[in-house]
Amino acid sequence: MIEHTVTFRLKHEPGSAEEQDFLMAAATLAYLPGVLDFGIRRQTSAKNPHTFGITMRFETQAAYDIYTNHPDHVAFVQERWLAEVADFMEADFEALPGGLLS
C-alpha cells in the first residue's frame, strides 16, 4: 500500500471563488483508477506554511503509476497545479516491513 500525500499553498486569496474552484477540480482526482481513501483537508498548524493537504492511497506501485500517468492527472498538473500552486511538498509512504506500526 502506498500513501501519497501532498501539502500546498495556493496563489489565490483564502476563501476566494478561485480557491474553491481549484479545490473542486482537485477533488475530481478521487475518481481516477486505483485511487483509494482520497481526502482534501485544510492545514491548521502554525508550524507549516501550507494551507491544504491532499491524501490518497494505492494498493500497488503499478496502481500509483497508472494514476500518475493518467491523462486527467497530467492535465490537472499542467493546467491547474503549475499555474495556481505557490508552494508544495510531496511525500509517498509505504508500510514498514512486517506491518510494523502500519
PDB file of N, CA and C in Angstrom:
ATOM      1  N   MET A   1       0.856  -1.181   0.000  1.00  0.00           N
ATOM      2  CA  MET A   1       0.000   0.000   0.000  1.00  0.00           C
ATOM      3  C   MET A   1       0.897   1.237   0.000  1.00  0.00           C
ATOM      4  N   ILE A   2       0.589   2.182  -0.855  1.00  0.00           N
ATOM      5  CA  ILE A   2       1.305   3.455  -0.924  1.00  0.00           C
ATOM      6  C   ILE A   2       0.345   4.565  -0.528  1.00  0.00           C
ATOM      7  N   GLU A   3       0.775   5.397   0.391  1.00  0.00           N
ATOM      8  CA  GLU A   3       0.016   6.587   0.766  1.00  0.00           C
ATOM      9  C   GLU A   3       0.712   7.788   0.134  1.00  0.00           C
ATOM     10  N   HIS A   4       0.010   8.461  -0.739  1.00  0.00           N
ATOM     11  CA  HIS A   4       0.519   9.638  -1.457  1.00  0.00           C
ATOM     12  C   HIS A   4      -0.044  10.875  -0.774  1.00  0.00           C
ATOM     13  N   THR A   5       0.844  11.763  -0.346  1.00  0.00           N
ATOM     14  CA  THR A   5       0.439  12.963   0.381  1.00  0.00           C
ATOM     15  C   THR A   5       1.107  14.176  -0.244  1.00  0.00           C
ATOM     16  N   VAL A   6       0.345  15.227  -0.414  1.00  0.00           N
ATOM     17  CA  VAL A   6       0.914  16.492  -0.881  1.00  0.00           C
ATOM     18  C   VAL A   6       0.296  17.615  -0.054  1.00  0.00           C
ATOM     19  N   THR A   7       1.154  18.493   0.457  1.00  0.00           N
ATOM     20  CA  THR A   7       0.674  19.692   1.133  1.00  0.00           C
ATOM     21  C   THR A   7       1.036  20.878   0.252  1.00  0.00           C
ATOM     22  N   PHE A   8       0.203  21.926   0.310  1.00  0.00           N
ATOM     23  CA  PHE A   8       0.425  23.027  -0.629  1.00  0.00           C
ATOM     24  C   PHE A   8      -0.221  24.318  -0.154  1.00  0.00           C
ATOM     25  N   ARG A   9       0.223  25.397  -0.786  1.00  0.00           N
ATOM     26  CA  ARG A   9      -0.337  26.731  -0.589  1.00  0.00           C
ATOM     27  C   ARG A   9      -0.679  27.274  -1.961  1.00  0.00           C
ATOM     28  N   LEU A  10      -1.890  27.777  -2.100  1.00  0.00           N
ATOM     29  CA  LEU A  10      -2.342  28.323  -3.380  1.00  0.00           C
ATOM     30  C   LEU A  10      -1.949  29.790  -3.536  1.00  0.00           C
ATOM     31  N   LYS A  11      -1.943  30.250  -4.767  1.00  0.00           N
ATOM     32  CA  LYS A  11      -1.711  31.655  -5.072  1.00  0.00           C
ATOM     33  C   LYS A  11      -2.962  32.488  -4.812  1.00  0.00           C
ATOM     34  N   HIS A  12      -4.105  31.837  -4.701  1.00  0.00           N
ATOM     35  CA  HIS A  12      -5.387  32.524  -4.541  1.00  0.00           C
ATOM     36  C   HIS A  12      -5.601  33.015  -3.108  1.00  0.00           C
ATOM     37  N   GLU A  13      -6.433  34.019  -2.984  1.00  0.00           N
ATOM     38  CA  GLU A  13      -6.814  34.530  -1.672  1.00  0.00           C
ATOM     39  C   GLU A  13      -7.610  33.467  -0.909  1.00  0.00           C
ATOM     40  N   PRO A  14      -7.333  33.310   0.382  1.00  0.00           N
ATOM     41  CA  PRO A  14      -8.113  32.364   1.186  1.00  0.00           C
ATOM     42  C   PRO A  14      -9.607  32.689   1.122  1.00  0.00           C
ATOM     43  N   GLY A  15     -10.409  31.666   0.921  1.00  0.00           N
ATOM     44  CA  GLY A  15     -11.851  31.832   0.871  1.00  0.00           C
ATOM     45  C   GLY A  15     -12.391  32.340  -0.453  1.00  0.00           C
ATOM     46  N   SER A  16     -11.525  32.545  -1.424  1.00  0.00           N
ATOM     47  CA  SER A  16     -11.959  33.102  -2.707  1.00  0.00           C
ATOM     48  C   SER A  16     -12.643  32.048  -3.574  1.00  0.00           C
ATOM     49  N   ALA A  17     -13.367  32.527  -4.562  1.00  0.00           N
ATOM     50  CA  ALA A  17     -14.002  31.635  -5.527  1.00  0.00           C
ATOM     51  C   ALA A  17     -12.943  30.847  -6.294  1.00  0.00           C
ATOM     52  N   GLU A  18     -11.797  31.456  -6.552  1.00  0.00           N
ATOM     53  CA  GLU A  18     -10.716  30.777  -7.259  1.00  0.00           C
ATOM     54  C   GLU A  18     -10.157  29.616  -6.428  1.00  0.00           C
ATOM     55  N   GLU A  19     -10.027  29.853  -5.135  1.00  0.00           N
ATOM     56  CA  GLU A  19      -9.573  28.786  -4.246  1.00  0.00           C
ATOM     57  C   GLU A  19     -10.563  27.628  -4.267  1.00  0.00           C
ATOM     58  N   GLN A  20     -11.819  27.941  -4.142  1.00  0.00           N
ATOM     59  CA  GLN A  20     -12.858  26.904  -4.136  1.00  0.00           C
ATOM     60  C   GLN A  20     -12.888  26.145  -5.466  1.00  0.00           C
ATOM     61  N   ASP A  21     -12.743  26.862  -6.558  1.00  0.00           N
ATOM     62  CA  ASP A  21     -12.744  26.229  -7.878  1.00  0.00           C
ATOM     63  C   ASP A  21     -11.564  25.258  -8.015  1.00  0.00           C
ATOM     64  N   PHE A  22     -10.394  25.660  -7.535  1.00  0.00           N
ATOM     65  CA  PHE A  22      -9.231  24.783  -7.588  1.00  0.00           C
ATOM     66  C   PHE A  22      -9.468  23.517  -6.769  1.00  0.00           C
ATOM     67  N   LEU A  23      -9.979  23.673  -5.563  1.00  0.00           N
ATOM     68  CA  LEU A  23     -10.216  22.517  -4.692  1.00  0.00           C
ATOM     69  C   LEU A  23     -11.259  21.573  -5.294  1.00  0.00           C
ATOM     70  N   MET A  24     -12.270  22.117  -5.928  1.00  0.00           N
ATOM     71  CA  MET A  24     -13.279  21.274  -6.579  1.00  0.00           C
ATOM     72  C   MET A  24     -12.656  20.513  -7.757  1.00  0.00           C
ATOM     73  N   ALA A  25     -11.782  21.168  -8.501  1.00  0.00           N
ATOM     74  CA  ALA A  25     -11.100  20.487  -9.609  1.00  0.00           C
ATOM     75  C   ALA A  25     -10.179  19.394  -9.072  1.00  0.00           C
ATOM     76  N   ALA A  26      -9.481  19.678  -7.995  1.00  0.00           N
ATOM     77  CA  ALA A  26      -8.593  18.678  -7.389  1.00  0.00           C
ATOM     78  C   ALA A  26      -9.393  17.476  -6.892  1.00  0.00           C
ATOM     79  N   ALA A  27     -10.587  17.707  -6.395  1.00  0.00           N
ATOM     80  CA  ALA A  27     -11.423  16.618  -5.871  1.00  0.00           C
ATOM     81  C   ALA A  27     -11.791  15.607  -6.943  1.00  0.00           C
ATOM     82  N   THR A  28     -11.786  16.008  -8.201  1.00  0.00           N
ATOM     83  CA  THR A  28     -12.130  15.059  -9.270  1.00  0.00           C
ATOM     84  C   THR A  28     -11.059  13.976  -9.430  1.00  0.00           C
ATOM     85  N   LEU A  29      -9.875  14.207  -8.898  1.00  0.00           N
ATOM     86  CA  LEU A  29      -8.815  13.197  -8.962  1.00  0.00           C
ATOM     87  C   LEU A  29      -9.197  11.937  -8.193  1.00  0.00           C
ATOM     88  N   ALA A  30     -10.114  12.062  -7.259  1.00  0.00           N
ATOM     89  CA  ALA A  30     -10.566  10.916  -6.465  1.00  0.00           C
ATOM     90  C   ALA A  30     -11.185   9.831  -7.326  1.00  0.00           C
ATOM     91  N   TYR A  31     -11.656  10.187  -8.503  1.00  0.00           N
ATOM     92  CA  TYR A  31     -12.366   9.241  -9.368  1.00  0.00           C
ATOM     93  C   TYR A  31     -11.470   8.554 -10.396  1.00  0.00           C
ATOM     94  N   LEU A  32     -10.175   8.847 -10.347  1.00  0.00           N
ATOM     95  CA  LEU A  32      -9.263   8.196 -11.280  1.00  0.00           C
ATOM     96  C   LEU A  32      -9.013   6.758 -10.847  1.00  0.00           C
ATOM     97  N   PRO A  33      -8.685   5.884 -11.786  1.00  0.00           N
ATOM     98  CA  PRO A  33      -8.483   4.465 -11.472  1.00  0.00           C
ATOM     99  C   PRO A  33      -7.419   4.258 -10.393  1.00  0.00           C
ATOM    100  N   GLY A  34      -7.730   3.389  -9.436  1.00  0.00           N
ATOM    101  CA  GLY A  34      -6.781   2.995  -8.406  1.00  0.00           C
ATOM    102  C   GLY A  34      -6.736   3.854  -7.177  1.00  0.00           C
ATOM    103  N   VAL A  35      -7.397   5.021  -7.179  1.00  0.00           N
ATOM    104  CA  VAL A  35      -7.349   5.932  -6.038  1.00  0.00           C
ATOM    105  C   VAL A  35      -8.261   5.410  -4.921  1.00  0.00           C
ATOM    106  N   LEU A  36      -7.690   5.303  -3.720  1.00  0.00           N
ATOM    107  CA  LEU A  36      -8.435   4.874  -2.537  1.00  0.00           C
ATOM    108  C   LEU A  36      -8.302   5.935  -1.444  1.00  0.00           C
ATOM    109  N   ASP A  37      -9.304   6.053  -0.619  1.00  0.00           N
ATOM    110  CA  ASP A  37      -9.247   6.894   0.593  1.00  0.00           C
ATOM    111  C   ASP A  37      -8.785   8.323   0.303  1.00  0.00           C
ATOM    112  N   PHE A  38      -9.327   8.937  -0.720  1.00  0.00           N
ATOM    113  CA  PHE A  38      -8.962  10.301  -1.124  1.00  0.00           C
ATOM    114  C   PHE A  38      -9.520  11.308  -0.126  1.00  0.00           C
ATOM    115  N   GLY A  39      -8.719  12.308   0.196  1.00  0.00           N
ATOM    116  CA  GLY A  39      -9.200  13.385   1.059  1.00  0.00           C
ATOM    117  C   GLY A  39      -8.459  14.675   0.803  1.00  0.00           C
ATOM    118  N   ILE A  40      -9.179  15.778   0.920  1.00  0.00           N
ATOM    119  CA  ILE A  40      -8.582  17.117   0.898  1.00  0.00           C
ATOM    120  C   ILE A  40      -8.912  17.744   2.244  1.00  0.00           C
ATOM    121  N   ARG A  41      -7.887  18.294   2.891  1.00  0.00           N
ATOM    122  CA  ARG A  41      -8.092  18.871   4.212  1.00  0.00           C
ATOM    123  C   ARG A  41      -7.395  20.224   4.313  1.00  0.00           C
ATOM    124  N   ARG A  42      -7.944  21.062   5.181  1.00  0.00           N
ATOM    125  CA  ARG A  42      -7.320  22.348   5.472  1.00  0.00           C
ATOM    126  C   ARG A  42      -6.276  22.121   6.557  1.00  0.00           C
ATOM    127  N   GLN A  43      -5.100  22.667   6.378  1.00  0.00           N
ATOM    128  CA  GLN A  43      -3.992  22.547   7.314  1.00  0.00           C
ATOM    129  C   GLN A  43      -4.167  23.602   8.404  1.00  0.00           C
ATOM    130  N   THR A  44      -4.001  23.245   9.673  1.00  0.00           N
ATOM    131  CA  THR A  44      -4.282  24.178  10.760  1.00  0.00           C
ATOM    132  C   THR A  44      -3.080  24.522  11.631  1.00  0.00           C
ATOM    133  N   SER A  45      -1.966  23.861  11.445  1.00  0.00           N
ATOM    134  CA  SER A  45      -0.799  24.110  12.297  1.00  0.00           C
ATOM    135  C   SER A  45      -0.056  25.369  11.875  1.00  0.00           C
ATOM    136  N   ALA A  46       0.310  26.186  12.843  1.00  0.00           N
ATOM    137  CA  ALA A  46       1.110  27.378  12.569  1.00  0.00           C
ATOM    138  C   ALA A  46       2.545  27.015  12.202  1.00  0.00           C
ATOM    139  N   LYS A  47       2.930  25.759  12.376  1.00  0.00           N
ATOM    140  CA  LYS A  47       4.288  25.304  12.075  1.00  0.00           C
ATOM    141  C   LYS A  47       4.505  25.059  10.581  1.00  0.00           C
ATOM    142  N   ASN A  48       3.428  25.064   9.809  1.00  0.00           N
ATOM    143  CA  ASN A  48       3.518  24.722   8.389  1.00  0.00           C
ATOM    144  C   ASN A  48       2.907  25.846   7.562  1.00  0.00           C
ATOM    145  N   PRO A  49       3.634  26.380   6.577  1.00  0.00           N
ATOM    146  CA  PRO A  49       3.092  27.475   5.766  1.00  0.00           C
ATOM    147  C   PRO A  49       2.074  27.022   4.728  1.00  0.00           C
ATOM    148  N   HIS A  50       1.947  25.717   4.526  1.00  0.00           N
ATOM    149  CA  HIS A  50       0.971  25.216   3.552  1.00  0.00           C
ATOM    150  C   HIS A  50      -0.423  25.261   4.156  1.00  0.00           C
ATOM    151  N   THR A  51      -1.421  25.461   3.318  1.00  0.00           N
ATOM    152  CA  THR A  51      -2.782  25.643   3.809  1.00  0.00           C
ATOM    153  C   THR A  51      -3.705  24.462   3.548  1.00  0.00           C
ATOM    154  N   PHE A  52      -3.298  23.555   2.659  1.00  0.00           N
ATOM    155  CA  PHE A  52      -4.131  22.391   2.334  1.00  0.00           C
ATOM    156  C   PHE A  52      -3.274  21.146   2.202  1.00  0.00           C
ATOM    157  N   GLY A  53      -3.931  20.013   2.344  1.00  0.00           N
ATOM    158  CA  GLY A  53      -3.289  18.733   2.099  1.00  0.00           C
ATOM    159  C   GLY A  53      -4.224  17.823   1.339  1.00  0.00           C
ATOM    160  N   ILE A  54      -3.658  17.043   0.448  1.00  0.00           N
ATOM    161  CA  ILE A  54      -4.405  16.005  -0.270  1.00  0.00           C
ATOM    162  C   ILE A  54      -3.724  14.678   0.054  1.00  0.00           C
ATOM    163  N   THR A  55      -4.533  13.689   0.419  1.00  0.00           N
ATOM    164  CA  THR A  55      -4.008  12.352   0.646  1.00  0.00           C
ATOM    165  C   THR A  55      -4.828  11.350  -0.139  1.00  0.00           C
ATOM    166  N   MET A  56      -4.159  10.274  -0.531  1.00  0.00           N
ATOM    167  CA  MET A  56      -4.822   9.158  -1.205  1.00  0.00           C
ATOM    168  C   MET A  56      -3.941   7.945  -1.053  1.00  0.00           C
ATOM    169  N   ARG A  57      -4.519   6.793  -1.264  1.00  0.00           N
ATOM    170  CA  ARG A  57      -3.753   5.554  -1.159  1.00  0.00           C
ATOM    171  C   ARG A  57      -3.923   4.730  -2.427  1.00  0.00           C
ATOM    172  N   PHE A  58      -2.936   3.866  -2.656  1.00  0.00           N
ATOM    173  CA  PHE A  58      -2.929   2.973  -3.801  1.00  0.00           C
ATOM    174  C   PHE A  58      -2.506   1.596  -3.320  1.00  0.00           C
ATOM    175  N   GLU A  59      -3.150   0.562  -3.846  1.00  0.00           N
ATOM    176  CA  GLU A  59      -2.830  -0.809  -3.447  1.00  0.00           C
ATOM    177  C   GLU A  59      -1.408  -1.202  -3.833  1.00  0.00           C
ATOM    178  N   THR A  60      -0.942  -0.765  -5.002  1.00  0.00           N
ATOM    179  CA  THR A  60       0.356  -1.186  -5.526  1.00  0.00           C
ATOM    180  C   THR A  60       1.074  -0.020  -6.199  1.00  0.00           C
ATOM    181  N   GLN A  61       2.357  -0.216  -6.435  1.00  0.00           N
ATOM    182  CA  GLN A  61       3.126   0.771  -7.194  1.00  0.00           C
ATOM    183  C   GLN A  61       2.564   0.904  -8.603  1.00  0.00           C
ATOM    184  N   ALA A  62       2.122  -0.208  -9.178  1.00  0.00           N
ATOM    185  CA  ALA A  62       1.545  -0.168 -10.527  1.00  0.00           C
ATOM    186  C   ALA A  62       0.299   0.718 -10.559  1.00  0.00           C
ATOM    187  N   ALA A  63      -0.558   0.611  -9.539  1.00  0.00           N
ATOM    188  CA  ALA A  63      -1.757   1.449  -9.472  1.00  0.00           C
ATOM    189  C   ALA A  63      -1.377   2.925  -9.348  1.00  0.00           C
ATOM    190  N   TYR A  64      -0.359   3.204  -8.548  1.00  0.00           N
ATOM    191  CA  TYR A  64       0.119   4.575  -8.393  1.00  0.00           C
ATOM    192  C   TYR A  64       0.668   5.106  -9.719  1.00  0.00           C
ATOM    193  N   ASP A  65       1.409   4.275 -10.431  1.00  0.00           N
ATOM    194  CA  ASP A  65       1.965   4.686 -11.725  1.00  0.00           C
ATOM    195  C   ASP A  65       0.865   4.965 -12.742  1.00  0.00           C
ATOM    196  N   ILE A  66      -0.187   4.156 -12.736  1.00  0.00           N
ATOM    197  CA  ILE A  66      -1.319   4.397 -13.636  1.00  0.00           C
ATOM    198  C   ILE A  66      -1.952   5.753 -13.329  1.00  0.00           C
ATOM    199  N   TYR A  67      -2.151   6.048 -12.046  1.00  0.00           N
ATOM    200  CA  TYR A  67      -2.706   7.340 -11.628  1.00  0.00           C
ATOM    201  C   TYR A  67      -1.797   8.483 -12.104  1.00  0.00           C
ATOM    202  N   THR A  68      -0.515   8.364 -11.817  1.00  0.00           N
ATOM    203  CA  THR A  68       0.439   9.425 -12.148  1.00  0.00           C
ATOM    204  C   THR A  68       0.435   9.752 -13.636  1.00  0.00           C
ATOM    205  N   ASN A  69       0.295   8.727 -14.459  1.00  0.00           N
ATOM    206  CA  ASN A  69       0.351   8.917 -15.910  1.00  0.00           C
ATOM    207  C   ASN A  69      -1.014   9.058 -16.569  1.00  0.00           C
ATOM    208  N   HIS A  70      -2.081   9.018 -15.778  1.00  0.00           N
ATOM    209  CA  HIS A  70      -3.428   9.137 -16.343  1.00  0.00           C
ATOM    210  C   HIS A  70      -3.581  10.517 -16.998  1.00  0.00           C
ATOM    211  N   PRO A  71      -4.168  10.593 -18.179  1.00  0.00           N
ATOM    212  CA  PRO A  71      -4.310  11.878 -18.875  1.00  0.00           C
ATOM    213  C   PRO A  71      -5.019  12.961 -18.057  1.00  0.00           C
ATOM    214  N   ASP A  72      -5.988  12.589 -17.236  1.00  0.00           N
ATOM    215  CA  ASP A  72      -6.681  13.598 -16.423  1.00  0.00           C
ATOM    216  C   ASP A  72      -5.775  14.150 -15.326  1.00  0.00           C
ATOM    217  N   HIS A  73      -4.939  13.299 -14.738  1.00  0.00           N
ATOM    218  CA  HIS A  73      -3.984  13.762 -13.724  1.00  0.00           C
ATOM    219  C   HIS A  73      -2.931  14.656 -14.373  1.00  0.00           C
ATOM    220  N   VAL A  74      -2.388  14.219 -15.499  1.00  0.00           N
ATOM    221  CA  VAL A  74      -1.375  15.009 -16.207  1.00  0.00           C
ATOM    222  C   VAL A  74      -1.947  16.373 -16.594  1.00  0.00           C
ATOM    223  N   ALA A  75      -3.167  16.403 -17.092  1.00  0.00           N
ATOM    224  CA  ALA A  75      -3.802  17.675 -17.478  1.00  0.00           C
ATOM    225  C   ALA A  75      -4.012  18.568 -16.263  1.00  0.00           C
ATOM    226  N   PHE A  76      -4.451  17.994 -15.143  1.00  0.00           N
ATOM    227  CA  PHE A  76      -4.645  18.794 -13.929  1.00  0.00           C
ATOM    228  C   PHE A  76      -3.331  19.431 -13.495  1.00  0.00           C
ATOM    229  N   VAL A  77      -2.270  18.654 -13.489  1.00  0.00           N
ATOM    230  CA  VAL A  77      -0.961  19.190 -13.092  1.00  0.00           C
ATOM    231  C   VAL A  77      -0.535  20.305 -14.039  1.00  0.00           C
ATOM    232  N   GLN A  78      -0.638  20.071 -15.334  1.00  0.00           N
ATOM    233  CA  GLN A  78      -0.179  21.050 -16.319  1.00  0.00           C
ATOM    234  C   GLN A  78      -1.040  22.314 -16.351  1.00  0.00           C
ATOM    235  N   GLU A  79      -2.345  22.137 -16.264  1.00  0.00           N
ATOM    236  CA  GLU A  79      -3.269  23.259 -16.455  1.00  0.00           C
ATOM    237  C   GLU A  79      -3.636  23.992 -15.168  1.00  0.00           C
ATOM    238  N   ARG A  80      -3.639  23.303 -14.055  1.00  0.00           N
ATOM    239  CA  ARG A  80      -4.085  23.940 -12.810  1.00  0.00           C
ATOM    240  C   ARG A  80      -2.953  24.023 -11.786  1.00  0.00           C
ATOM    241  N   TRP A  81      -2.345  22.882 -11.473  1.00  0.00           N
ATOM    242  CA  TRP A  81      -1.367  22.820 -10.381  1.00  0.00           C
ATOM    243  C   TRP A  81      -0.200  23.779 -10.615  1.00  0.00           C
ATOM    244  N   LEU A  82       0.439  23.684 -11.757  1.00  0.00           N
ATOM    245  CA  LEU A  82       1.611  24.519 -12.026  1.00  0.00           C
ATOM    246  C   LEU A  82       1.272  26.004 -12.050  1.00  0.00           C
ATOM    247  N   ALA A  83       0.070  26.341 -12.456  1.00  0.00           N
ATOM    248  CA  ALA A  83      -0.332  27.747 -12.561  1.00  0.00           C
ATOM    249  C   ALA A  83      -0.849  28.328 -11.245  1.00  0.00           C
ATOM    250  N   GLU A  84      -1.406  27.489 -10.368  1.00  0.00           N
ATOM    251  CA  GLU A  84      -2.143  28.017  -9.216  1.00  0.00           C
ATOM    252  C   GLU A  84      -1.541  27.692  -7.854  1.00  0.00           C
ATOM    253  N   VAL A  85      -0.558  26.798  -7.807  1.00  0.00           N
ATOM    254  CA  VAL A  85       0.056  26.422  -6.530  1.00  0.00           C
ATOM    255  C   VAL A  85       1.339  27.229  -6.333  1.00  0.00           C
ATOM    256  N   ALA A  86       1.420  27.925  -5.186  1.00  0.00           N
ATOM    257  CA  ALA A  86       2.578  28.761  -4.885  1.00  0.00           C
ATOM    258  C   ALA A  86       3.736  27.940  -4.333  1.00  0.00           C
ATOM    259  N   ASP A  87       3.437  26.904  -3.553  1.00  0.00           N
ATOM    260  CA  ASP A  87       4.472  26.090  -2.927  1.00  0.00           C
ATOM    261  C   ASP A  87       3.849  24.765  -2.527  1.00  0.00           C
ATOM    262  N   PHE A  88       4.657  23.697  -2.556  1.00  0.00           N
ATOM    263  CA  PHE A  88       4.121  22.398  -2.146  1.00  0.00           C
ATOM    264  C   PHE A  88       5.240  21.469  -1.704  1.00  0.00           C
ATOM    265  N   MET A  89       4.830  20.402  -1.036  1.00  0.00           N
ATOM    266  CA  MET A  89       5.725  19.310  -0.677  1.00  0.00           C
ATOM    267  C   MET A  89       4.969  18.011  -0.881  1.00  0.00           C
ATOM    268  N   GLU A  90       5.628  17.056  -1.495  1.00  0.00           N
ATOM    269  CA  GLU A  90       5.009  15.774  -1.795  1.00  0.00           C
ATOM    270  C   GLU A  90       5.769  14.679  -1.056  1.00  0.00           C
ATOM    271  N   ALA A  91       5.041  13.701  -0.528  1.00  0.00           N
ATOM    272  CA  ALA A  91       5.659  12.555   0.132  1.00  0.00           C
ATOM    273  C   ALA A  91       4.828  11.316  -0.146  1.00  0.00           C
ATOM    274  N   ASP A  92       5.511  10.208  -0.346  1.00  0.00           N
ATOM    275  CA  ASP A  92       4.858   8.924  -0.570  1.00  0.00           C
ATOM    276  C   ASP A  92       5.373   7.953   0.483  1.00  0.00           C
ATOM    277  N   PHE A  93       4.446   7.244   1.138  1.00  0.00           N
ATOM    278  CA  PHE A  93       4.804   6.355   2.232  1.00  0.00           C
ATOM    279  C   PHE A  93       4.329   4.935   1.954  1.00  0.00           C
ATOM    280  N   GLU A  94       5.160   3.976   2.388  1.00  0.00           N
ATOM    281  CA  GLU A  94       4.783   2.566   2.362  1.00  0.00           C
ATOM    282  C   GLU A  94       4.872   2.053   3.799  1.00  0.00           C
ATOM    283  N   ALA A  95       4.104   1.014   4.092  1.00  0.00           N
ATOM    284  CA  ALA A  95       4.159   0.405   5.411  1.00  0.00           C
ATOM    285  C   ALA A  95       5.549  -0.182   5.648  1.00  0.00           C
ATOM    286  N   LEU A  96       5.965  -0.206   6.887  1.00  0.00           N
ATOM    287  CA  LEU A  96       7.247  -0.813   7.251  1.00  0.00           C
ATOM    288  C   LEU A  96       7.138  -2.336   7.089  1.00  0.00           C
ATOM    289  N   PRO A  97       8.265  -2.985   6.855  1.00  0.00           N
ATOM    290  CA  PRO A  97       8.247  -4.448   6.685  1.00  0.00           C
ATOM    291  C   PRO A  97       7.566  -5.150   7.858  1.00  0.00           C
ATOM    292  N   GLY A  98       6.814  -6.190   7.538  1.00  0.00           N
ATOM    293  CA  GLY A  98       6.133  -6.960   8.562  1.00  0.00           C
ATOM    294  C   GLY A  98       4.920  -6.253   9.141  1.00  0.00           C
ATOM    295  N   GLY A  99       4.484  -5.166   8.521  1.00  0.00           N
ATOM    296  CA  GLY A  99       3.322  -4.442   9.009  1.00  0.00           C
ATOM    297  C   GLY A  99       3.588  -3.674  10.288  1.00  0.00           C
ATOM    298  N   LEU A 100       4.853  -3.516  10.648  1.00  0.00           N
ATOM    299  CA  LEU A 100       5.232  -2.825  11.872  1.00  0.00           C
ATOM    300  C   LEU A 100       4.685  -1.410  11.883  1.00  0.00           C
ATOM    301  N   LEU A 101       3.840  -1.138  12.828  1.00  0.00           N
ATOM    302  CA  LEU A 101       3.294   0.199  13.030  1.00  0.00           C
ATOM    303  C   LEU A 101       2.583   0.774  11.809  1.00  0.00           C
ATOM    304  N   SER A 102       1.970  -0.072  10.999  1.00  0.00           N
ATOM    305  CA  SER A 102       1.326   0.445   9.782  1.00  0.00           C
ATOM    306  C   SER A 102      -0.041   0.996  10.028  1.00  0.00           C
TER     307      SER A 102
END
